[in-house]
C-alpha atoms as a PDB file:
ATOM      1  CA  UNK A   1       3.734 -47.270 -15.279  1.00  0.00           C
ATOM      2  CA  UNK A   2       3.906 -47.153 -11.496  1.00  0.00           C
ATOM      3  CA  UNK A   3       1.557 -45.025  -9.429  1.00  0.00           C
ATOM      4  CA  UNK A   4       4.535 -43.113  -8.040  1.00  0.00           C
ATOM      5  CA  UNK A   5       5.722 -42.201 -11.538  1.00  0.00           C
ATOM      6  CA  UNK A   6       2.215 -41.100 -12.540  1.00  0.00           C
ATOM      7  CA  UNK A   7       2.000 -38.881  -9.478  1.00  0.00           C
ATOM      8  CA  UNK A   8       5.424 -37.436 -10.225  1.00  0.00           C
ATOM      9  CA  UNK A   9       4.425 -36.636 -13.822  1.00  0.00           C
ATOM     10  CA  UNK A  10       1.227 -35.013 -12.588  1.00  0.00           C
ATOM     11  CA  UNK A  11       3.181 -32.826 -10.165  1.00  0.00           C
ATOM     12  CA  UNK A  12       5.634 -31.821 -12.899  1.00  0.00           C
ATOM     13  CA  UNK A  13       2.787 -31.028 -15.296  1.00  0.00           C
ATOM     14  CA  UNK A  14       1.060 -28.962 -12.626  1.00  0.00           C
ATOM     15  CA  UNK A  15       4.217 -27.013 -11.837  1.00  0.00           C
ATOM     16  CA  UNK A  16       4.884 -26.360 -15.514  1.00  0.00           C
ATOM     17  CA  UNK A  17       1.308 -25.161 -16.027  1.00  0.00           C
ATOM     18  CA  UNK A  18       1.433 -22.845 -13.009  1.00  0.00           C
ATOM     19  CA  UNK A  19       4.839 -21.528 -14.068  1.00  0.00           C
ATOM     20  CA  UNK A  20       3.575 -20.760 -17.573  1.00  0.00           C
ATOM     21  CA  UNK A  21       0.518 -19.017 -16.143  1.00  0.00           C
ATOM     22  CA  UNK A  22       2.634 -16.918 -13.771  1.00  0.00           C
ATOM     23  CA  UNK A  23       5.050 -16.059 -16.592  1.00  0.00           C
ATOM     24  CA  UNK A  24       2.180 -14.642 -18.655  1.00  0.00           C
ATOM     25  CA  UNK A  25      -0.222 -13.239 -16.067  1.00  0.00           C
ATOM     26  CA  UNK A  26       2.200 -12.298 -13.286  1.00  0.00           C
ATOM     27  CA  UNK A  27       3.901  -9.336 -15.014  1.00  0.00           C
ATOM     28  CA  UNK A  28       0.534  -7.958 -16.166  1.00  0.00           C
ATOM     29  CA  UNK A  29      -0.850  -8.013 -12.622  1.00  0.00           C
ATOM     30  CA  UNK A  30       2.331  -6.533 -11.186  1.00  0.00           C
ATOM     31  CA  UNK A  31       3.096  -3.828 -13.735  1.00  0.00           C
ATOM     32  CA  UNK A  32      -0.420  -2.864 -14.813  1.00  0.00           C
ATOM     33  CA  UNK A  33      -2.696  -2.790 -11.755  1.00  0.00           C
ATOM     34  CA  UNK A  34      -6.343  -2.198 -12.539  1.00  0.00           C
ATOM     35  CA  UNK A  35      -7.054   1.525 -12.470  1.00  0.00           C
ATOM     36  CA  UNK A  36      -9.707   2.616  -9.995  1.00  0.00           C
ATOM     37  CA  UNK A  37     -11.806   5.409 -11.469  1.00  0.00           C
ATOM     38  CA  UNK A  38     -14.022   8.072  -9.955  1.00  0.00           C
ATOM     39  CA  UNK A  39     -17.068   5.805 -10.339  1.00  0.00           C
ATOM     40  CA  UNK A  40     -15.748   3.747  -7.403  1.00  0.00           C
ATOM     41  CA  UNK A  41     -16.062   6.798  -5.160  1.00  0.00           C
ATOM     42  CA  UNK A  42     -19.347   8.013  -6.653  1.00  0.00           C
ATOM     43  CA  UNK A  43     -20.977   4.643  -5.941  1.00  0.00           C
ATOM     44  CA  UNK A  44     -20.000   5.062  -2.290  1.00  0.00           C
ATOM     45  CA  UNK A  45     -21.226   8.679  -2.108  1.00  0.00           C
ATOM     46  CA  UNK A  46     -17.696   9.908  -1.523  1.00  0.00           C
ATOM     47  CA  UNK A  47     -16.225  13.149  -2.899  1.00  0.00           C
ATOM     48  CA  UNK A  48     -14.523  12.906  -6.288  1.00  0.00           C
ATOM     49  CA  UNK A  49     -13.332  16.496  -6.624  1.00  0.00           C
ATOM     50  CA  UNK A  50     -11.918  19.139  -4.282  1.00  0.00           C
ATOM     51  CA  UNK A  51     -15.007  21.191  -5.114  1.00  0.00           C
ATOM     52  CA  UNK A  52     -17.168  18.629  -3.309  1.00  0.00           C
ATOM     53  CA  UNK A  53     -15.311  19.561  -0.119  1.00  0.00           C
ATOM     54  CA  UNK A  54     -15.371  23.295  -0.942  1.00  0.00           C
ATOM     55  CA  UNK A  55     -11.634  23.327  -1.538  1.00  0.00           C
ATOM     56  CA  UNK A  56     -10.015  25.729  -4.004  1.00  0.00           C
ATOM     57  CA  UNK A  57      -7.772  23.938  -6.454  1.00  0.00           C
ATOM     58  CA  UNK A  58      -5.824  24.003  -9.673  1.00  0.00           C
ATOM     59  CA  UNK A  59      -5.740  20.966 -11.948  1.00  0.00           C
ATOM     60  CA  UNK A  60      -2.629  20.561 -14.074  1.00  0.00           C
ATOM     61  CA  UNK A  61      -0.298  18.032 -15.664  1.00  0.00           C
ATOM     62  CA  UNK A  62       3.440  17.672 -15.227  1.00  0.00           C
ATOM     63  CA  UNK A  63       6.019  15.503 -16.928  1.00  0.00           C
ATOM     64  CA  UNK A  64       7.145  12.383 -15.116  1.00  0.00           C
ATOM     65  CA  UNK A  65      10.842  11.869 -14.521  1.00  0.00           C
ATOM     66  CA  UNK A  66      11.193   9.896 -17.765  1.00  0.00           C
ATOM     67  CA  UNK A  67       9.888  12.957 -19.669  1.00  0.00           C
ATOM     68  CA  UNK A  68       7.557  10.585 -21.527  1.00  0.00           C
ATOM     69  CA  UNK A  69       4.463  10.448 -19.338  1.00  0.00           C
ATOM     70  CA  UNK A  70       2.135  13.198 -18.138  1.00  0.00           C
ATOM     71  CA  UNK A  71       0.995  12.943 -14.526  1.00  0.00           C
ATOM     72  CA  UNK A  72      -2.359  14.470 -13.584  1.00  0.00           C
ATOM     73  CA  UNK A  73      -2.374  16.589 -10.413  1.00  0.00           C
ATOM     74  CA  UNK A  74      -4.431  18.805  -8.126  1.00  0.00           C
ATOM     75  CA  UNK A  75      -2.902  21.619  -6.112  1.00  0.00           C
ATOM     76  CA  UNK A  76      -4.957  22.944  -3.181  1.00  0.00           C
ATOM     77  CA  UNK A  77      -3.536  26.252  -1.880  1.00  0.00           C
ATOM     78  CA  UNK A  78      -4.124  27.201   1.750  1.00  0.00           C
ATOM     79  CA  UNK A  79      -5.053  30.764   2.654  1.00  0.00           C
ATOM     80  CA  UNK A  80      -2.065  31.201   4.978  1.00  0.00           C
ATOM     81  CA  UNK A  81       0.114  28.182   4.228  1.00  0.00           C
ATOM     82  CA  UNK A  82       2.470  26.804   6.845  1.00  0.00           C
ATOM     83  CA  UNK A  83       3.991  24.221   4.487  1.00  0.00           C
ATOM     84  CA  UNK A  84       3.097  21.959   1.542  1.00  0.00           C
ATOM     85  CA  UNK A  85       2.060  18.299   1.849  1.00  0.00           C
ATOM     86  CA  UNK A  86       2.348  15.954  -1.132  1.00  0.00           C
ATOM     87  CA  UNK A  87      -0.112  13.030  -0.998  1.00  0.00           C
ATOM     88  CA  UNK A  88       0.819   9.677  -2.598  1.00  0.00           C
ATOM     89  CA  UNK A  89      -1.936   7.087  -3.119  1.00  0.00           C
ATOM     90  CA  UNK A  90      -1.853   3.286  -3.033  1.00  0.00           C
ATOM     91  CA  UNK A  91      -1.609   0.729  -5.833  1.00  0.00           C
ATOM     92  CA  UNK A  92      -4.528   0.755  -8.261  1.00  0.00           C
ATOM     93  CA  UNK A  93      -5.949   3.868  -6.597  1.00  0.00           C
ATOM     94  CA  UNK A  94      -5.759   7.539  -7.540  1.00  0.00           C
ATOM     95  CA  UNK A  95      -5.545  11.041  -6.106  1.00  0.00           C
ATOM     96  CA  UNK A  96      -9.252  11.058  -5.186  1.00  0.00           C
ATOM     97  CA  UNK A  97      -8.460   8.820  -2.207  1.00  0.00           C
ATOM     98  CA  UNK A  98      -6.534  11.676  -0.640  1.00  0.00           C
ATOM     99  CA  UNK A  99      -9.385  14.194  -0.590  1.00  0.00           C
ATOM    100  CA  UNK A 100     -10.566  13.571   3.014  1.00  0.00           C
ATOM    101  CA  UNK A 101      -7.034  14.033   4.332  1.00  0.00           C
ATOM    102  CA  UNK A 102      -6.475  16.998   2.008  1.00  0.00           C
ATOM    103  CA  UNK A 103      -9.438  18.683   3.684  1.00  0.00           C
ATOM    104  CA  UNK A 104      -7.822  18.115   7.074  1.00  0.00           C
ATOM    105  CA  UNK A 105      -4.517  19.554   5.882  1.00  0.00           C
ATOM    106  CA  UNK A 106      -6.210  22.547   4.244  1.00  0.00           C
ATOM    107  CA  UNK A 107      -8.206  23.301   7.389  1.00  0.00           C
ATOM    108  CA  UNK A 108      -4.902  23.354   9.277  1.00  0.00           C
ATOM    109  CA  UNK A 109      -3.275  25.773   6.819  1.00  0.00           C
ATOM    110  CA  UNK A 110      -1.246  23.369   4.698  1.00  0.00           C
ATOM    111  CA  UNK A 111      -1.070  23.467   0.922  1.00  0.00           C
ATOM    112  CA  UNK A 112      -1.792  20.040  -0.560  1.00  0.00           C
ATOM    113  CA  UNK A 113      -0.623  18.493  -3.819  1.00  0.00           C
ATOM    114  CA  UNK A 114      -2.190  15.223  -4.964  1.00  0.00           C
ATOM    115  CA  UNK A 115      -1.381  13.441  -8.205  1.00  0.00           C
ATOM    116  CA  UNK A 116      -2.093  10.179  -9.984  1.00  0.00           C
ATOM    117  CA  UNK A 117       1.004   8.020 -10.031  1.00  0.00           C
ATOM    118  CA  UNK A 118       2.237   6.757 -13.384  1.00  0.00           C
ATOM    119  CA  UNK A 119      -0.034   4.026 -14.824  1.00  0.00           C
ATOM    120  CA  UNK A 120      -2.768   5.097 -12.398  1.00  0.00           C
ATOM    121  CA  UNK A 121      -5.864   7.291 -12.505  1.00  0.00           C
ATOM    122  CA  UNK A 122      -5.725   9.894 -15.255  1.00  0.00           C
ATOM    123  CA  UNK A 123      -1.951   9.817 -15.582  1.00  0.00           C
ATOM    124  CA  UNK A 124       0.042   8.350 -18.431  1.00  0.00           C
ATOM    125  CA  UNK A 125       2.717   5.707 -18.194  1.00  0.00           C
ATOM    126  CA  UNK A 126       2.683   2.048 -19.165  1.00  0.00           C
ATOM    127  CA  UNK A 127       4.033   0.427 -16.036  1.00  0.00           C
ATOM    128  CA  UNK A 128       3.934   0.677 -12.247  1.00  0.00           C
ATOM    129  CA  UNK A 129       7.319  -0.027 -10.637  1.00  0.00           C
ATOM    130  CA  UNK A 130       6.443   0.587  -6.965  1.00  0.00           C
ATOM    131  CA  UNK A 131       9.042   3.278  -6.405  1.00  0.00           C
ATOM    132  CA  UNK A 132      11.884   2.410  -8.776  1.00  0.00           C
ATOM    133  CA  UNK A 133      10.871   5.221 -11.139  1.00  0.00           C
ATOM    134  CA  UNK A 134       8.116   6.750  -9.000  1.00  0.00           C
ATOM    135  CA  UNK A 135      10.566   8.108  -6.423  1.00  0.00           C
ATOM    136  CA  UNK A 136      11.962  10.376  -9.131  1.00  0.00           C
ATOM    137  CA  UNK A 137       8.431  11.490 -10.045  1.00  0.00           C
ATOM    138  CA  UNK A 138       8.123  12.709  -6.452  1.00  0.00           C
ATOM    139  CA  UNK A 139      11.164  14.877  -7.064  1.00  0.00           C
ATOM    140  CA  UNK A 140       9.443  16.461 -10.074  1.00  0.00           C
ATOM    141  CA  UNK A 141       6.279  16.962  -7.981  1.00  0.00           C
ATOM    142  CA  UNK A 142       8.364  18.798  -5.370  1.00  0.00           C
ATOM    143  CA  UNK A 143       9.771  21.045  -8.081  1.00  0.00           C
ATOM    144  CA  UNK A 144       6.216  21.867  -9.216  1.00  0.00           C
ATOM    145  CA  UNK A 145       5.085  22.556  -5.641  1.00  0.00           C
ATOM    146  CA  UNK A 146       8.024  24.835  -4.944  1.00  0.00           C
ATOM    147  CA  UNK A 147       7.318  26.820  -8.093  1.00  0.00           C
ATOM    148  CA  UNK A 148       3.977  27.749  -6.533  1.00  0.00           C
ATOM    149  CA  UNK A 149       5.161  28.307  -2.943  1.00  0.00           C
ATOM    150  CA  UNK A 150       8.964  28.451  -2.913  1.00  0.00           C
ATOM    151  CA  UNK A 151       9.248  29.290   0.797  1.00  0.00           C
ATOM    152  CA  UNK A 152       7.107  26.389   2.022  1.00  0.00           C
ATOM    153  CA  UNK A 153       8.823  23.283   3.357  1.00  0.00           C
ATOM    154  CA  UNK A 154       7.752  19.950   1.867  1.00  0.00           C
ATOM    155  CA  UNK A 155       6.187  17.056   3.755  1.00  0.00           C
ATOM    156  CA  UNK A 156       5.096  13.807   2.121  1.00  0.00           C
ATOM    157  CA  UNK A 157       2.215  11.572   3.146  1.00  0.00           C
ATOM    158  CA  UNK A 158       2.022   8.157   1.485  1.00  0.00           C
ATOM    159  CA  UNK A 159      -0.305   5.230   1.976  1.00  0.00           C
ATOM    160  CA  UNK A 160       0.404   1.610   0.993  1.00  0.00           C
ATOM    161  CA  UNK A 161       2.430   1.740  -2.254  1.00  0.00           C
ATOM    162  CA  UNK A 162       2.504   5.514  -1.815  1.00  0.00           C
ATOM    163  CA  UNK A 163       4.168   5.054   1.570  1.00  0.00           C
ATOM    164  CA  UNK A 164       6.828   2.838   0.000  1.00  0.00           C
ATOM    165  CA  UNK A 165       7.380   5.459  -2.709  1.00  0.00           C
ATOM    166  CA  UNK A 166       7.561   8.245  -0.105  1.00  0.00           C
ATOM    167  CA  UNK A 167      10.281   6.432   1.852  1.00  0.00           C
ATOM    168  CA  UNK A 168      12.302   5.712  -1.271  1.00  0.00           C
ATOM    169  CA  UNK A 169      11.970   9.336  -2.383  1.00  0.00           C
ATOM    170  CA  UNK A 170      13.002  10.694   1.031  1.00  0.00           C
ATOM    171  CA  UNK A 171      16.183   8.613   0.894  1.00  0.00           C
ATOM    172  CA  UNK A 172      17.410  10.560  -2.156  1.00  0.00           C
ATOM    173  CA  UNK A 173      15.609  13.929  -1.964  1.00  0.00           C
ATOM    174  CA  UNK A 174      16.917  16.549   0.492  1.00  0.00           C
ATOM    175  CA  UNK A 175      13.960  18.901  -0.074  1.00  0.00           C
ATOM    176  CA  UNK A 176      11.659  16.499   1.812  1.00  0.00           C
ATOM    177  CA  UNK A 177      11.535  17.613   5.448  1.00  0.00           C
ATOM    178  CA  UNK A 178       9.183  15.016   6.986  1.00  0.00           C
ATOM    179  CA  UNK A 179       7.398  11.800   5.960  1.00  0.00           C
ATOM    180  CA  UNK A 180       4.280   9.966   7.103  1.00  0.00           C
ATOM    181  CA  UNK A 181       4.326   6.373   5.839  1.00  0.00           C
ATOM    182  CA  UNK A 182       1.050   4.510   6.312  1.00  0.00           C
ATOM    183  CA  UNK A 183       0.960   0.736   5.704  1.00  0.00           C
ATOM    184  CA  UNK A 184       4.179   0.443   3.734  1.00  0.00           C
ATOM    185  CA  UNK A 185       5.727  -2.822   2.629  1.00  0.00           C
ATOM    186  CA  UNK A 186       9.395  -3.506   3.437  1.00  0.00           C
ATOM    187  CA  UNK A 187      10.553  -4.971   0.102  1.00  0.00           C
ATOM    188  CA  UNK A 188       8.836  -5.599  -3.212  1.00  0.00           C
ATOM    189  CA  UNK A 189      10.205  -9.151  -3.254  1.00  0.00           C
ATOM    190  CA  UNK A 190       8.543 -10.101   0.035  1.00  0.00           C
ATOM    191  CA  UNK A 191       5.218  -8.402  -0.609  1.00  0.00           C
ATOM    192  CA  UNK A 192       5.004 -10.160  -3.985  1.00  0.00           C
ATOM    193  CA  UNK A 193       5.356 -13.517  -2.243  1.00  0.00           C
ATOM    194  CA  UNK A 194       2.608 -12.461   0.178  1.00  0.00           C
ATOM    195  CA  UNK A 195       0.244 -11.634  -2.689  1.00  0.00           C
ATOM    196  CA  UNK A 196       1.135 -14.876  -4.453  1.00  0.00           C
ATOM    197  CA  UNK A 197       0.269 -16.908  -1.371  1.00  0.00           C
ATOM    198  CA  UNK A 198      -3.049 -15.126  -1.063  1.00  0.00           C
ATOM    199  CA  UNK A 199      -4.009 -15.497  -4.736  1.00  0.00           C
ATOM    200  CA  UNK A 200      -2.593 -18.920  -5.593  1.00  0.00           C
ATOM    201  CA  UNK A 201      -2.216 -20.461  -2.135  1.00  0.00           C
ATOM    202  CA  UNK A 202       1.312 -21.447  -3.198  1.00  0.00           C
ATOM    203  CA  UNK A 203       4.395 -20.296  -1.243  1.00  0.00           C
ATOM    204  CA  UNK A 204       6.993 -21.217  -3.899  1.00  0.00           C
ATOM    205  CA  UNK A 205       9.526 -18.442  -4.331  1.00  0.00           C
ATOM    206  CA  UNK A 206      10.481 -19.613  -7.804  1.00  0.00           C
ATOM    207  CA  UNK A 207       7.053 -18.464  -9.045  1.00  0.00           C
ATOM    208  CA  UNK A 208       7.792 -14.998  -7.675  1.00  0.00           C
ATOM    209  CA  UNK A 209      11.182 -15.094  -9.361  1.00  0.00           C
ATOM    210  CA  UNK A 210       9.645 -16.026 -12.717  1.00  0.00           C
ATOM    211  CA  UNK A 211       7.162 -13.150 -12.593  1.00  0.00           C
ATOM    212  CA  UNK A 212       9.774 -10.692 -11.320  1.00  0.00           C
ATOM    213  CA  UNK A 213      12.382 -11.541 -13.926  1.00  0.00           C
ATOM    214  CA  UNK A 214       9.894 -11.143 -16.752  1.00  0.00           C
ATOM    215  CA  UNK A 215       8.602  -7.907 -15.214  1.00  0.00           C
ATOM    216  CA  UNK A 216      12.124  -6.511 -14.981  1.00  0.00           C
ATOM    217  CA  UNK A 217      12.673  -7.116 -18.682  1.00  0.00           C
ATOM    218  CA  UNK A 218       9.331  -5.581 -19.690  1.00  0.00           C
ATOM    219  CA  UNK A 219       9.500  -2.452 -17.508  1.00  0.00           C
ATOM    220  CA  UNK A 220      13.294  -2.100 -17.391  1.00  0.00           C
ATOM    221  CA  UNK A 221      13.675  -1.921 -13.646  1.00  0.00           C
ATOM    222  CA  UNK A 222      15.407  -3.863 -10.857  1.00  0.00           C
ATOM    223  CA  UNK A 223      12.986  -5.265  -8.328  1.00  0.00           C
ATOM    224  CA  UNK A 224      15.642  -5.808  -5.653  1.00  0.00           C
ATOM    225  CA  UNK A 225      16.172  -2.049  -5.572  1.00  0.00           C
ATOM    226  CA  UNK A 226      12.519  -1.473  -4.632  1.00  0.00           C
ATOM    227  CA  UNK A 227      13.309  -1.748  -0.943  1.00  0.00           C
ATOM    228  CA  UNK A 228      11.896   0.757   1.553  1.00  0.00           C
ATOM    229  CA  UNK A 229      13.754  -1.030   4.335  1.00  0.00           C
ATOM    230  CA  UNK A 230      17.057  -0.180   2.647  1.00  0.00           C
ATOM    231  CA  UNK A 231      15.815   3.336   1.893  1.00  0.00           C
ATOM    232  CA  UNK A 232      14.996   4.224   5.517  1.00  0.00           C
ATOM    233  CA  UNK A 233      18.624   3.712   6.501  1.00  0.00           C
ATOM    234  CA  UNK A 234      19.486   6.751   4.375  1.00  0.00           C
ATOM    235  CA  UNK A 235      16.641   8.998   5.538  1.00  0.00           C
ATOM    236  CA  UNK A 236      17.781  11.813   7.839  1.00  0.00           C
ATOM    237  CA  UNK A 237      14.410  13.499   8.401  1.00  0.00           C
ATOM    238  CA  UNK A 238      11.573  12.599  10.807  1.00  0.00           C
ATOM    239  CA  UNK A 239       9.331   9.684   9.832  1.00  0.00           C
ATOM    240  CA  UNK A 240       5.976   8.692  11.314  1.00  0.00           C
ATOM    241  CA  UNK A 241       5.061   5.069  10.555  1.00  0.00           C
ATOM    242  CA  UNK A 242       1.364   4.155  10.826  1.00  0.00           C
ATOM    243  CA  UNK A 243      -0.210   0.722  10.332  1.00  0.00           C
ATOM    244  CA  UNK A 244      -3.469  -1.029  11.112  1.00  0.00           C
ATOM    245  CA  UNK A 245      -2.943  -4.125  13.258  1.00  0.00           C
ATOM    246  CA  UNK A 246      -5.674  -6.020  11.363  1.00  0.00           C
ATOM    247  CA  UNK A 247      -4.098  -5.356   7.959  1.00  0.00           C
ATOM    248  CA  UNK A 248      -4.238  -8.578   5.906  1.00  0.00           C
ATOM    249  CA  UNK A 249      -2.836  -7.041   2.711  1.00  0.00           C
ATOM    250  CA  UNK A 250       0.423  -5.647   4.079  1.00  0.00           C
ATOM    251  CA  UNK A 251       1.458  -7.012   7.471  1.00  0.00           C
ATOM    252  CA  UNK A 252       1.876  -4.473  10.235  1.00  0.00           C
ATOM    253  CA  UNK A 253       5.136  -6.242  11.110  1.00  0.00           C
ATOM    254  CA  UNK A 254       6.648  -4.601   8.009  1.00  0.00           C
ATOM    255  CA  UNK A 255       6.157  -1.183   9.597  1.00  0.00           C
ATOM    256  CA  UNK A 256       7.802  -2.543  12.733  1.00  0.00           C
ATOM    257  CA  UNK A 257      10.771  -3.652  10.631  1.00  0.00           C
ATOM    258  CA  UNK A 258      10.948  -0.279   8.892  1.00  0.00           C
ATOM    259  CA  UNK A 259      10.792   1.529  12.222  1.00  0.00           C
ATOM    260  CA  UNK A 260      13.610  -0.610  13.624  1.00  0.00           C
ATOM    261  CA  UNK A 261      15.811   0.136  10.609  1.00  0.00           C
ATOM    262  CA  UNK A 262      15.062   3.880  10.474  1.00  0.00           C
ATOM    263  CA  UNK A 263      17.116   6.683  11.963  1.00  0.00           C
ATOM    264  CA  UNK A 264      15.869   9.057  14.660  1.00  0.00           C
ATOM    265  CA  UNK A 265      13.634  10.964  14.943  1.00  0.00           C
ATOM    266  CA  UNK A 266      11.027   8.307  14.234  1.00  0.00           C
ATOM    267  CA  UNK A 267       7.624   7.262  15.582  1.00  0.00           C
ATOM    268  CA  UNK A 268       5.580   4.087  15.153  1.00  0.00           C
ATOM    269  CA  UNK A 269       1.814   4.038  15.699  1.00  0.00           C
ATOM    270  CA  UNK A 270      -0.028   0.719  15.342  1.00  0.00           C
ATOM    271  CA  UNK A 271      -3.803   1.168  15.327  1.00  0.00           C
ATOM    272  CA  UNK A 272      -5.941  -1.552  16.895  1.00  0.00           C
ATOM    273  CA  UNK A 273      -8.902  -2.878  14.864  1.00  0.00           C
ATOM    274  CA  UNK A 274      -7.785  -1.065  11.685  1.00  0.00           C
ATOM    275  CA  UNK A 275      -7.224  -2.943   8.435  1.00  0.00           C
ATOM    276  CA  UNK A 276      -5.496  -1.813   5.255  1.00  0.00           C
ATOM    277  CA  UNK A 277      -8.218   0.506   3.996  1.00  0.00           C
ATOM    278  CA  UNK A 278      -9.885   2.003   7.068  1.00  0.00           C
ATOM    279  CA  UNK A 279      -7.032   3.427   9.133  1.00  0.00           C
ATOM    280  CA  UNK A 280      -8.421   6.974   8.921  1.00  0.00           C
ATOM    281  CA  UNK A 281     -11.946   5.772   9.720  1.00  0.00           C
ATOM    282  CA  UNK A 282     -10.816   3.803  12.778  1.00  0.00           C
ATOM    283  CA  UNK A 283      -8.265   6.345  13.981  1.00  0.00           C
ATOM    284  CA  UNK A 284     -10.775   9.195  13.600  1.00  0.00           C
ATOM    285  CA  UNK A 285      -9.802  12.520  15.183  1.00  0.00           C
ATOM    286  CA  UNK A 286      -6.733  11.104  16.890  1.00  0.00           C
ATOM    287  CA  UNK A 287      -5.443   9.975  13.484  1.00  0.00           C
ATOM    288  CA  UNK A 288      -5.925  13.447  12.020  1.00  0.00           C
ATOM    289  CA  UNK A 289      -4.460  15.210  15.047  1.00  0.00           C
ATOM    290  CA  UNK A 290      -1.352  13.023  15.198  1.00  0.00           C
ATOM    291  CA  UNK A 291      -0.547  13.558  11.525  1.00  0.00           C
ATOM    292  CA  UNK A 292      -1.182  17.304  11.651  1.00  0.00           C
ATOM    293  CA  UNK A 293       0.860  17.687  14.846  1.00  0.00           C
ATOM    294  CA  UNK A 294       3.701  15.688  13.315  1.00  0.00           C
ATOM    295  CA  UNK A 295       3.862  17.934  10.256  1.00  0.00           C
ATOM    296  CA  UNK A 296       3.492  21.069  12.366  1.00  0.00           C
ATOM    297  CA  UNK A 297       6.347  19.984  14.573  1.00  0.00           C
ATOM    298  CA  UNK A 298       8.775  19.327  11.739  1.00  0.00           C
ATOM    299  CA  UNK A 299       7.697  21.642   8.916  1.00  0.00           C
ATOM    300  CA  UNK A 300       7.059  24.938  10.669  1.00  0.00           C
END
């Protein structure tokens, strides 16, 4: 047997092994991200409840759009509310991550609703679909918020996956009056390739296609329809795009692409020296002021 043939067989065996691994592990990683619990925040001496920030709140559950899963939520009512902000967290995270920003909103007279997305935190649901079903959960969350304060306009703040969900929701939901999208991806297909390259160091798109096709069958969704960049073309309300320029998880160029595709009024703010997880920390007071001013401008 020639050396060339041996090498060829080795390459084929390697590709088959990787493909089998991706077929099995890929859908699990995509559809069932590891749930971050409150211990993550306790270990870092961060607040895990609105009470830790002296915020009044109601904890409740509401049915997801499939009427099968219960989503766990907090509602923080302002004393003299100007509007209501719905906070959407990132993949693997939960509503606790929104507490620092909820405090900012509350101090500026906004109601705040935070909830654990399906298959995250304390919420039910088997699978995460990155907006395919989650955008309809946002619609249910709006219904719940309006039951409490029917005269308050609705703004949505989303970070990472939550930003992608917020944009997809705003493209179909007329009750959303303004959106802040922090560190959103442009399409699920592209961001999956990015993660694959980082984890496996392999750029092959066919591996992405294997994992996606299997995931579609398991979770009954269409990954090509998880596309914030298509969604923004149908959004007719103001959008503020924010992204850290040192983000290595989701490239800031995706927010540039989203901004270019979006309708007016729109704003893009790229923050120097900020990565995926410390945009608020790096942006500091300017970050808080810009977001509050944006919502005040378009919700009041």
